[in-house]
N, C-alpha and C. Protein backbone atom coordinates (compact mmCIF):
# COMPACT_ATOMS: atom_id res chain seq x y z
N MET A 1 114.02 85.77 202.13
CA MET A 1 113.55 87.11 201.84
C MET A 1 112.39 87.03 200.86
N ARG A 2 111.32 87.71 201.18
CA ARG A 2 110.13 87.70 200.33
C ARG A 2 110.11 88.96 199.48
N LEU A 3 109.97 88.78 198.15
CA LEU A 3 109.95 89.90 197.24
C LEU A 3 108.51 90.27 196.88
N THR A 4 108.21 91.54 196.91
CA THR A 4 106.89 92.01 196.51
C THR A 4 106.91 92.37 195.04
N ALA A 5 105.73 92.52 194.48
CA ALA A 5 105.62 92.87 193.06
C ALA A 5 106.29 94.22 192.78
N SER A 6 106.13 95.18 193.70
CA SER A 6 106.73 96.50 193.47
C SER A 6 108.25 96.43 193.54
N THR A 7 108.80 95.57 194.40
CA THR A 7 110.26 95.41 194.48
C THR A 7 110.79 94.80 193.19
N ILE A 8 110.10 93.80 192.69
CA ILE A 8 110.53 93.15 191.45
C ILE A 8 110.45 94.13 190.28
N THR A 9 109.36 94.90 190.20
CA THR A 9 109.21 95.87 189.14
C THR A 9 110.30 96.93 189.21
N ALA A 10 110.58 97.47 190.40
CA ALA A 10 111.62 98.49 190.56
C ALA A 10 112.99 97.94 190.18
N THR A 11 113.26 96.68 190.55
CA THR A 11 114.54 96.06 190.20
C THR A 11 114.65 95.88 188.70
N ALA A 12 113.58 95.43 188.06
CA ALA A 12 113.59 95.22 186.61
C ALA A 12 113.82 96.53 185.87
N ILE A 13 113.21 97.61 186.33
CA ILE A 13 113.41 98.91 185.70
C ILE A 13 114.85 99.36 185.86
N ALA A 14 115.41 99.21 187.05
CA ALA A 14 116.80 99.61 187.28
C ALA A 14 117.77 98.82 186.41
N VAL A 15 117.52 97.52 186.25
CA VAL A 15 118.38 96.69 185.42
C VAL A 15 118.23 97.10 183.95
N ALA A 16 117.01 97.32 183.48
CA ALA A 16 116.79 97.69 182.09
C ALA A 16 117.50 98.99 181.74
N VAL A 17 117.50 99.95 182.64
CA VAL A 17 118.15 101.23 182.38
C VAL A 17 119.66 101.10 182.40
N ALA A 18 120.19 100.19 183.21
CA ALA A 18 121.63 100.08 183.39
C ALA A 18 122.33 99.21 182.36
N ILE A 19 121.60 98.36 181.65
CA ILE A 19 122.24 97.45 180.70
C ILE A 19 122.65 98.22 179.44
N PRO A 20 123.95 98.21 179.10
CA PRO A 20 124.36 98.91 177.89
C PRO A 20 123.82 98.22 176.63
N SER A 21 123.56 99.01 175.61
CA SER A 21 123.07 98.50 174.34
C SER A 21 123.89 99.11 173.22
N HIS A 22 124.54 98.28 172.41
CA HIS A 22 125.33 98.75 171.27
C HIS A 22 126.36 99.79 171.69
N GLY A 23 126.96 99.64 172.85
CA GLY A 23 128.01 100.55 173.27
C GLY A 23 127.52 101.85 173.85
N HIS A 24 126.22 102.04 173.99
CA HIS A 24 125.69 103.27 174.55
C HIS A 24 125.46 103.09 176.04
N ALA A 25 125.25 104.18 176.73
CA ALA A 25 125.12 104.17 178.18
C ALA A 25 123.88 103.44 178.67
N ALA A 26 122.81 103.43 177.91
CA ALA A 26 121.59 102.80 178.39
C ALA A 26 120.81 102.19 177.23
N SER A 27 120.03 101.14 177.55
CA SER A 27 119.25 100.49 176.51
C SER A 27 117.95 101.23 176.23
N THR A 28 117.51 102.06 177.16
CA THR A 28 116.29 102.80 176.92
C THR A 28 116.60 103.97 175.99
N ARG A 29 115.66 104.29 175.15
CA ARG A 29 115.84 105.37 174.19
C ARG A 29 114.73 106.38 174.36
N ILE A 30 115.07 107.62 174.12
CA ILE A 30 114.07 108.67 174.08
C ILE A 30 114.01 109.13 172.64
N CYS A 31 112.83 109.07 172.06
CA CYS A 31 112.67 109.49 170.68
C CYS A 31 112.20 110.93 170.64
N GLY A 32 112.36 111.57 169.52
CA GLY A 32 111.99 112.96 169.37
C GLY A 32 110.49 113.18 169.34
N VAL A 33 110.11 114.43 169.50
CA VAL A 33 108.70 114.80 169.48
C VAL A 33 108.48 115.93 168.49
N GLU A 34 109.23 117.02 168.64
CA GLU A 34 109.04 118.22 167.84
C GLU A 34 109.36 117.96 166.36
N LEU A 35 108.36 118.15 165.50
CA LEU A 35 108.48 117.92 164.06
C LEU A 35 109.01 116.53 163.74
N TRP A 36 108.76 115.57 164.62
CA TRP A 36 109.33 114.23 164.49
C TRP A 36 108.90 113.53 163.21
N ALA A 37 107.65 113.72 162.78
CA ALA A 37 107.19 113.07 161.55
C ALA A 37 108.00 113.56 160.34
N LEU A 38 108.32 114.85 160.30
CA LEU A 38 109.16 115.37 159.21
C LEU A 38 110.57 114.81 159.31
N LYS A 39 111.11 114.74 160.51
CA LYS A 39 112.49 114.30 160.72
C LYS A 39 112.69 112.82 160.43
N THR A 40 111.61 112.05 160.44
CA THR A 40 111.72 110.61 160.21
C THR A 40 111.04 110.17 158.91
N LEU A 41 110.66 111.13 158.08
CA LEU A 41 110.03 110.84 156.79
C LEU A 41 108.76 109.99 156.99
N SER A 42 107.99 110.36 158.02
CA SER A 42 106.75 109.62 158.30
C SER A 42 105.54 110.55 158.35
N ASP A 43 105.69 111.76 157.86
CA ASP A 43 104.61 112.74 157.84
C ASP A 43 103.61 112.41 156.74
N PRO A 44 102.42 113.00 156.77
CA PRO A 44 101.42 112.71 155.74
C PRO A 44 101.86 113.05 154.31
N GLN A 45 102.81 113.96 154.14
CA GLN A 45 103.28 114.36 152.81
C GLN A 45 104.56 113.63 152.38
N ARG A 46 104.93 112.58 153.06
CA ARG A 46 106.19 111.87 152.78
C ARG A 46 106.27 111.35 151.35
N ARG A 47 105.15 111.05 150.73
CA ARG A 47 105.15 110.53 149.35
C ARG A 47 105.52 111.61 148.33
N LEU A 48 105.51 112.86 148.73
CA LEU A 48 105.88 113.96 147.84
C LEU A 48 107.40 114.10 147.70
N VAL A 49 108.16 113.41 148.55
CA VAL A 49 109.61 113.53 148.55
C VAL A 49 110.21 112.69 147.44
N ASN A 50 111.03 113.32 146.60
CA ASN A 50 111.77 112.61 145.57
C ASN A 50 112.99 111.99 146.25
N LEU A 51 113.04 110.67 146.29
CA LEU A 51 114.11 109.96 147.00
C LEU A 51 115.37 109.80 146.15
N HIS A 52 115.33 110.21 144.88
CA HIS A 52 116.53 110.14 144.03
C HIS A 52 117.38 111.37 144.34
N PRO A 53 118.58 111.18 144.92
CA PRO A 53 119.39 112.32 145.36
C PRO A 53 119.77 113.27 144.23
N ARG A 54 119.71 114.53 144.56
CA ARG A 54 120.12 115.61 143.65
C ARG A 54 121.45 116.15 144.15
N ASN A 55 122.46 116.16 143.28
CA ASN A 55 123.77 116.67 143.67
C ASN A 55 123.71 118.17 143.91
N THR A 56 124.29 118.58 145.02
CA THR A 56 124.37 119.99 145.37
C THR A 56 125.60 120.17 146.26
N THR A 57 125.71 121.32 146.89
CA THR A 57 126.84 121.58 147.80
C THR A 57 126.32 122.09 149.12
N VAL A 58 127.17 122.01 150.13
CA VAL A 58 126.83 122.56 151.45
C VAL A 58 126.59 124.06 151.31
N ALA A 59 127.43 124.75 150.53
CA ALA A 59 127.27 126.20 150.33
C ALA A 59 125.95 126.52 149.65
N ALA A 60 125.55 125.74 148.67
CA ALA A 60 124.28 125.98 147.97
C ALA A 60 123.10 125.82 148.92
N ILE A 61 123.15 124.83 149.77
CA ILE A 61 122.08 124.65 150.76
C ILE A 61 122.07 125.83 151.73
N ASN A 62 123.25 126.28 152.16
CA ASN A 62 123.34 127.44 153.04
C ASN A 62 122.77 128.70 152.41
N SER A 63 122.79 128.80 151.09
CA SER A 63 122.33 130.02 150.41
C SER A 63 120.81 130.06 150.19
N LEU A 64 120.12 128.95 150.47
CA LEU A 64 118.67 128.95 150.30
C LEU A 64 118.02 129.93 151.27
N ARG A 65 116.90 130.48 150.85
CA ARG A 65 116.17 131.42 151.70
C ARG A 65 115.40 130.63 152.75
N MET A 66 115.61 130.96 154.02
CA MET A 66 114.92 130.28 155.12
C MET A 66 113.46 130.75 155.17
N PRO A 67 112.52 129.81 155.15
CA PRO A 67 111.12 130.21 155.23
C PRO A 67 110.74 130.67 156.64
N HIS A 68 109.82 131.62 156.71
CA HIS A 68 109.29 132.09 158.00
C HIS A 68 107.78 131.98 157.95
N PRO A 69 107.16 131.38 158.92
CA PRO A 69 107.77 130.66 160.04
C PRO A 69 108.34 129.32 159.59
N THR A 70 109.05 128.66 160.48
CA THR A 70 109.61 127.34 160.17
C THR A 70 108.46 126.40 159.79
N PRO A 71 108.55 125.75 158.62
CA PRO A 71 107.45 124.90 158.16
C PRO A 71 107.20 123.70 159.09
N ALA A 72 105.92 123.43 159.30
CA ALA A 72 105.51 122.25 160.05
C ALA A 72 105.02 121.16 159.10
N THR A 73 104.98 121.50 157.80
CA THR A 73 104.63 120.54 156.76
C THR A 73 105.62 120.71 155.61
N ARG A 74 105.60 119.80 154.66
CA ARG A 74 106.53 119.85 153.52
C ARG A 74 106.01 120.81 152.45
N ASN A 75 106.14 122.10 152.72
CA ASN A 75 105.60 123.07 151.77
C ASN A 75 106.66 123.80 150.96
N THR A 76 107.92 123.34 151.01
CA THR A 76 108.96 123.95 150.17
C THR A 76 109.62 122.86 149.32
N ALA A 77 110.20 123.29 148.21
CA ALA A 77 110.89 122.35 147.31
C ALA A 77 112.03 121.65 148.03
N PHE A 78 112.74 122.37 148.91
CA PHE A 78 113.86 121.78 149.65
C PHE A 78 113.42 120.58 150.48
N GLU A 79 112.26 120.64 151.07
CA GLU A 79 111.76 119.55 151.92
C GLU A 79 111.18 118.39 151.11
N ARG A 80 111.05 118.58 149.83
CA ARG A 80 110.45 117.55 148.98
C ARG A 80 111.47 116.86 148.09
N ARG A 81 112.75 117.00 148.45
CA ARG A 81 113.78 116.32 147.66
C ARG A 81 114.89 115.82 148.58
N THR A 82 115.63 114.89 148.02
CA THR A 82 116.80 114.33 148.68
C THR A 82 118.02 115.00 148.05
N ASN A 83 118.89 115.52 148.90
CA ASN A 83 120.10 116.21 148.44
C ASN A 83 121.32 115.36 148.73
N ARG A 84 122.30 115.43 147.83
CA ARG A 84 123.57 114.71 148.02
C ARG A 84 124.70 115.73 147.98
N VAL A 85 125.55 115.71 149.02
CA VAL A 85 126.69 116.62 149.09
C VAL A 85 127.96 115.85 149.40
N ASN A 86 129.08 116.40 148.98
CA ASN A 86 130.39 115.91 149.41
C ASN A 86 130.83 116.83 150.54
N ALA A 87 131.29 116.25 151.64
CA ALA A 87 131.67 117.07 152.79
C ALA A 87 132.55 116.27 153.72
N GLN A 88 133.06 116.96 154.71
CA GLN A 88 133.82 116.32 155.78
C GLN A 88 132.94 116.31 157.02
N ILE A 89 132.84 115.16 157.67
CA ILE A 89 132.16 115.10 158.96
C ILE A 89 133.21 115.49 159.99
N VAL A 90 133.05 116.68 160.56
CA VAL A 90 134.07 117.16 161.49
C VAL A 90 133.81 116.71 162.93
N GLN A 91 132.53 116.55 163.29
CA GLN A 91 132.18 116.07 164.63
C GLN A 91 130.86 115.32 164.57
N PHE A 92 130.65 114.48 165.60
CA PHE A 92 129.37 113.79 165.73
C PHE A 92 129.10 113.50 167.20
N LYS A 93 127.82 113.31 167.51
CA LYS A 93 127.43 112.95 168.87
C LYS A 93 126.03 112.36 168.88
N LEU A 94 125.71 111.72 169.98
CA LEU A 94 124.38 111.15 170.19
C LEU A 94 123.52 112.21 170.85
N GLU A 95 122.40 112.55 170.23
CA GLU A 95 121.49 113.55 170.75
C GLU A 95 120.54 112.94 171.78
N ASP A 96 119.88 113.80 172.54
CA ASP A 96 118.91 113.35 173.54
C ASP A 96 117.75 112.58 172.91
N ASP A 97 117.43 112.87 171.63
CA ASP A 97 116.33 112.17 170.96
C ASP A 97 116.80 110.90 170.26
N SER A 98 118.04 110.46 170.55
CA SER A 98 118.66 109.24 170.02
C SER A 98 119.16 109.36 168.58
N ASP A 99 119.04 110.54 167.96
CA ASP A 99 119.63 110.76 166.64
C ASP A 99 121.14 110.88 166.77
N ILE A 100 121.85 110.51 165.71
CA ILE A 100 123.27 110.85 165.62
C ILE A 100 123.33 112.17 164.86
N HIS A 101 123.89 113.18 165.50
CA HIS A 101 124.02 114.53 164.96
C HIS A 101 125.40 114.64 164.32
N LEU A 102 125.43 114.89 163.03
CA LEU A 102 126.69 115.05 162.29
C LEU A 102 126.86 116.52 161.94
N ILE A 103 128.08 117.02 162.11
CA ILE A 103 128.40 118.36 161.62
C ILE A 103 129.23 118.19 160.36
N LEU A 104 128.66 118.66 159.24
CA LEU A 104 129.32 118.59 157.95
C LEU A 104 129.98 119.93 157.64
N PHE A 105 131.12 119.87 156.96
CA PHE A 105 131.84 121.10 156.58
C PHE A 105 132.36 120.94 155.16
N ASP A 106 132.21 122.01 154.38
CA ASP A 106 132.80 122.04 153.05
C ASP A 106 132.98 123.48 152.62
N ARG A 107 134.20 123.85 152.30
CA ARG A 107 134.54 125.17 151.73
C ARG A 107 133.94 126.34 152.50
N GLY A 108 134.10 126.34 153.79
CA GLY A 108 133.67 127.47 154.62
C GLY A 108 132.23 127.44 155.09
N SER A 109 131.48 126.40 154.75
CA SER A 109 130.07 126.31 155.15
C SER A 109 129.82 125.05 155.97
N TYR A 110 128.90 125.16 156.92
CA TYR A 110 128.51 124.05 157.78
C TYR A 110 127.09 123.61 157.47
N LEU A 111 126.79 122.38 157.84
CA LEU A 111 125.46 121.81 157.65
C LEU A 111 125.30 120.66 158.63
N ILE A 112 124.14 120.56 159.22
CA ILE A 112 123.81 119.44 160.11
C ILE A 112 123.13 118.35 159.30
N ALA A 113 123.50 117.10 159.58
CA ALA A 113 122.80 115.93 159.05
C ALA A 113 122.50 115.03 160.24
N GLU A 114 121.35 114.40 160.25
CA GLU A 114 120.97 113.58 161.40
C GLU A 114 120.48 112.21 160.97
N MET A 115 120.85 111.21 161.79
CA MET A 115 120.48 109.82 161.55
C MET A 115 119.63 109.32 162.71
N PRO A 116 118.33 109.12 162.50
CA PRO A 116 117.47 108.62 163.57
C PRO A 116 117.83 107.19 163.99
N PHE A 117 117.48 106.86 165.22
CA PHE A 117 117.65 105.52 165.78
C PHE A 117 116.53 104.64 165.22
N ALA A 118 116.85 103.42 164.82
CA ALA A 118 115.88 102.53 164.17
C ALA A 118 114.60 102.35 164.99
N ALA A 119 114.73 102.16 166.30
CA ALA A 119 113.56 101.94 167.15
C ALA A 119 112.68 103.18 167.26
N CYS A 120 113.18 104.33 166.85
CA CYS A 120 112.40 105.57 166.90
C CYS A 120 111.66 105.86 165.60
N LEU A 121 111.88 105.05 164.58
CA LEU A 121 111.20 105.28 163.31
C LEU A 121 109.78 104.73 163.38
N PRO A 122 108.78 105.57 163.09
CA PRO A 122 107.41 105.07 163.06
C PRO A 122 107.25 104.03 161.95
N ALA A 123 106.29 103.15 162.09
CA ALA A 123 106.05 102.09 161.11
C ALA A 123 105.78 102.66 159.71
N ARG A 124 105.20 103.85 159.64
CA ARG A 124 104.87 104.45 158.34
C ARG A 124 106.04 105.22 157.72
N ALA A 125 107.21 105.21 158.35
CA ALA A 125 108.37 105.95 157.82
C ALA A 125 108.72 105.43 156.43
N ARG A 126 108.93 106.36 155.53
CA ARG A 126 109.31 106.02 154.16
C ARG A 126 110.81 105.81 154.09
N ASP A 127 111.25 104.86 153.29
CA ASP A 127 112.67 104.56 153.08
C ASP A 127 113.38 104.16 154.38
N SER A 128 112.66 103.53 155.28
CA SER A 128 113.22 103.18 156.59
C SER A 128 114.41 102.22 156.46
N ARG A 129 114.39 101.34 155.48
CA ARG A 129 115.52 100.42 155.30
C ARG A 129 116.81 101.19 155.04
N ALA A 130 116.75 102.20 154.20
CA ALA A 130 117.94 103.02 153.91
C ALA A 130 118.37 103.81 155.14
N ILE A 131 117.42 104.38 155.87
CA ILE A 131 117.72 105.16 157.06
C ILE A 131 118.44 104.30 158.09
N VAL A 132 117.95 103.09 158.31
CA VAL A 132 118.56 102.17 159.29
C VAL A 132 119.93 101.70 158.79
N SER A 133 120.05 101.37 157.52
CA SER A 133 121.32 100.88 156.96
C SER A 133 122.43 101.92 157.04
N VAL A 134 122.08 103.17 156.76
CA VAL A 134 123.07 104.25 156.80
C VAL A 134 123.62 104.42 158.21
N ARG A 135 122.75 104.42 159.19
CA ARG A 135 123.21 104.58 160.57
C ARG A 135 124.09 103.40 160.98
N ARG A 136 123.67 102.20 160.62
CA ARG A 136 124.44 101.00 160.95
C ARG A 136 125.84 101.07 160.33
N LEU A 137 125.91 101.48 159.05
CA LEU A 137 127.19 101.63 158.37
C LEU A 137 128.07 102.65 159.09
N PHE A 138 127.50 103.79 159.44
CA PHE A 138 128.27 104.83 160.14
C PHE A 138 128.83 104.30 161.45
N GLU A 139 128.00 103.63 162.25
CA GLU A 139 128.44 103.12 163.55
C GLU A 139 129.51 102.04 163.39
N GLN A 140 129.37 101.18 162.40
CA GLN A 140 130.35 100.12 162.18
C GLN A 140 131.69 100.67 161.71
N ARG A 141 131.67 101.65 160.85
CA ARG A 141 132.91 102.18 160.26
C ARG A 141 133.54 103.31 161.07
N CYS A 142 132.72 104.18 161.65
CA CYS A 142 133.24 105.39 162.30
C CYS A 142 133.17 105.36 163.82
N GLY A 143 132.46 104.41 164.38
CA GLY A 143 132.40 104.27 165.84
C GLY A 143 131.05 104.64 166.42
N GLN A 144 130.87 104.21 167.64
CA GLN A 144 129.63 104.47 168.35
C GLN A 144 129.60 105.91 168.85
N PRO A 145 128.47 106.58 168.70
CA PRO A 145 128.38 107.95 169.20
C PRO A 145 128.22 107.97 170.72
N SER A 146 128.63 109.06 171.32
CA SER A 146 128.42 109.27 172.75
C SER A 146 127.72 110.61 172.92
N PRO A 147 127.23 110.91 174.10
CA PRO A 147 126.55 112.19 174.30
C PRO A 147 127.49 113.41 174.26
N THR A 148 128.78 113.17 174.15
CA THR A 148 129.73 114.28 174.03
C THR A 148 130.29 114.30 172.61
N TRP A 149 130.68 115.48 172.16
CA TRP A 149 131.19 115.62 170.80
C TRP A 149 132.45 114.80 170.59
N GLN A 150 132.51 114.12 169.44
CA GLN A 150 133.68 113.36 169.02
C GLN A 150 134.16 113.94 167.70
N ASN A 151 135.45 114.22 167.60
CA ASN A 151 136.03 114.70 166.35
C ASN A 151 136.16 113.53 165.39
N LEU A 152 136.03 113.80 164.10
CA LEU A 152 136.11 112.71 163.14
C LEU A 152 137.01 113.03 161.95
N GLY A 153 136.62 113.92 161.08
CA GLY A 153 137.43 114.23 159.91
C GLY A 153 137.21 113.31 158.73
N ALA A 154 136.14 112.52 158.73
CA ALA A 154 135.86 111.62 157.60
C ALA A 154 135.35 112.41 156.40
N VAL A 155 135.80 112.03 155.21
CA VAL A 155 135.31 112.63 153.98
C VAL A 155 134.24 111.69 153.42
N VAL A 156 133.07 112.25 153.12
CA VAL A 156 131.93 111.43 152.73
C VAL A 156 131.15 112.06 151.58
N THR A 157 130.37 111.23 150.94
CA THR A 157 129.27 111.69 150.10
C THR A 157 128.03 111.27 150.88
N ILE A 158 127.19 112.24 151.21
CA ILE A 158 126.06 111.96 152.10
C ILE A 158 124.78 112.52 151.49
N SER A 159 123.71 111.74 151.62
CA SER A 159 122.41 112.14 151.08
C SER A 159 121.39 112.20 152.21
N GLY A 160 120.47 113.13 152.09
CA GLY A 160 119.41 113.22 153.08
C GLY A 160 118.28 114.11 152.59
N VAL A 161 117.15 113.96 153.24
CA VAL A 161 115.96 114.72 152.88
C VAL A 161 116.08 116.12 153.50
N GLY A 162 115.69 117.13 152.74
CA GLY A 162 115.73 118.49 153.24
C GLY A 162 114.79 118.70 154.41
N PHE A 163 115.27 119.45 155.39
CA PHE A 163 114.49 119.74 156.60
C PHE A 163 114.86 121.14 157.07
N TRP A 164 113.87 121.95 157.42
CA TRP A 164 114.11 123.28 157.98
C TRP A 164 113.98 123.21 159.49
N ASP A 165 115.06 123.50 160.18
CA ASP A 165 115.01 123.58 161.64
C ASP A 165 114.89 125.05 162.03
N PHE A 166 114.87 125.31 163.30
CA PHE A 166 114.84 126.68 163.81
C PHE A 166 115.96 126.84 164.81
N PRO A 167 116.41 128.04 165.09
CA PRO A 167 117.52 128.23 166.02
C PRO A 167 117.15 127.78 167.44
N HIS A 168 117.93 126.83 167.97
CA HIS A 168 117.73 126.39 169.35
C HIS A 168 119.06 126.00 169.99
N GLY A 169 120.14 126.66 169.59
CA GLY A 169 121.44 126.42 170.20
C GLY A 169 122.19 125.24 169.64
N GLN A 170 121.77 124.70 168.51
CA GLN A 170 122.44 123.55 167.92
C GLN A 170 123.82 123.93 167.39
N SER A 171 124.71 122.97 167.40
CA SER A 171 126.08 123.19 166.90
C SER A 171 126.20 122.74 165.46
N GLY A 172 126.96 123.52 164.67
CA GLY A 172 127.25 123.16 163.29
C GLY A 172 126.16 123.46 162.31
N ASN A 173 125.24 124.34 162.67
CA ASN A 173 124.10 124.61 161.81
C ASN A 173 124.47 125.43 160.58
N ALA A 174 123.69 125.25 159.53
CA ALA A 174 123.78 126.10 158.34
C ALA A 174 123.30 127.50 158.73
N ARG A 175 123.70 128.48 157.96
CA ARG A 175 123.27 129.87 158.25
C ARG A 175 121.75 130.00 158.26
N ASN A 176 121.08 129.20 157.45
CA ASN A 176 119.62 129.28 157.32
C ASN A 176 118.90 128.15 158.09
N TYR A 177 119.63 127.36 158.85
CA TYR A 177 119.11 126.25 159.66
C TYR A 177 118.53 125.12 158.81
N ALA A 178 118.96 125.02 157.56
CA ALA A 178 118.61 123.86 156.73
C ALA A 178 119.41 122.66 157.22
N GLU A 179 118.84 121.48 157.10
CA GLU A 179 119.51 120.24 157.50
C GLU A 179 119.20 119.14 156.49
N LEU A 180 119.97 118.06 156.58
CA LEU A 180 119.63 116.80 155.92
C LEU A 180 119.14 115.90 157.03
N HIS A 181 117.82 115.65 157.04
CA HIS A 181 117.22 114.93 158.17
C HIS A 181 115.94 114.26 157.71
N PRO A 182 115.93 112.97 157.51
CA PRO A 182 116.94 111.99 157.87
C PRO A 182 117.97 111.77 156.76
N VAL A 183 119.11 111.24 157.16
CA VAL A 183 120.13 110.82 156.21
C VAL A 183 119.64 109.51 155.58
N THR A 184 119.75 109.43 154.25
CA THR A 184 119.28 108.24 153.53
C THR A 184 120.37 107.53 152.73
N GLY A 185 121.53 108.15 152.63
CA GLY A 185 122.64 107.55 151.89
C GLY A 185 123.97 108.03 152.42
N LEU A 186 124.96 107.14 152.40
CA LEU A 186 126.29 107.50 152.89
C LEU A 186 127.35 106.66 152.18
N GLN A 187 128.33 107.35 151.65
CA GLN A 187 129.51 106.69 151.11
C GLN A 187 130.70 107.31 151.83
N ILE A 188 131.45 106.50 152.55
CA ILE A 188 132.62 106.98 153.28
C ILE A 188 133.82 106.87 152.36
N LEU A 189 134.40 108.01 152.02
CA LEU A 189 135.52 108.04 151.09
C LEU A 189 136.85 107.88 151.81
N SER A 190 136.99 108.45 153.00
CA SER A 190 138.20 108.31 153.82
C SER A 190 137.92 108.78 155.23
N GLY A 191 138.78 108.37 156.15
CA GLY A 191 138.71 108.88 157.51
C GLY A 191 138.05 108.01 158.54
N CYS A 192 137.43 106.92 158.15
CA CYS A 192 136.83 105.99 159.12
C CYS A 192 137.42 104.61 158.89
């Protein structure tokens, strides 16, 4: 049987898509696009972010006034600092953009925190070592994410850079659509 270049290429693509990677369904990854530089701490204003976590609560973040329109640059104090909260991770899943989406809960309030995939971080991403280490720790201790929601119940202290999202049907969002994105620190207290 004689193989043509197009047959070999098509076979290689099919194999690459089908090979599992780190327990996930496929080795290929789709990275985010919308506000991706802000979500990965690789935007032009990334140096304005104070990486020393400030203790706060999920409720306090929920009480912040949501800016209108949703910022496309780091023009609020919330986006220029790292926040640390104690919370329970009630659910998690793998998003289409390869982030791990965490739903945090504490005293009646919800908050989303997201962990980008290492291969999706631009070379200019600030604090990339911490971002990658946190995700690796979560996967090793709490399990591999899947595209469907997984219940967890882990109690954590979690840190992340402030990010303003907009309503788009996301689960577990804060009332004002504030998020910790990217997550830069994680201490698992119990549950994993």
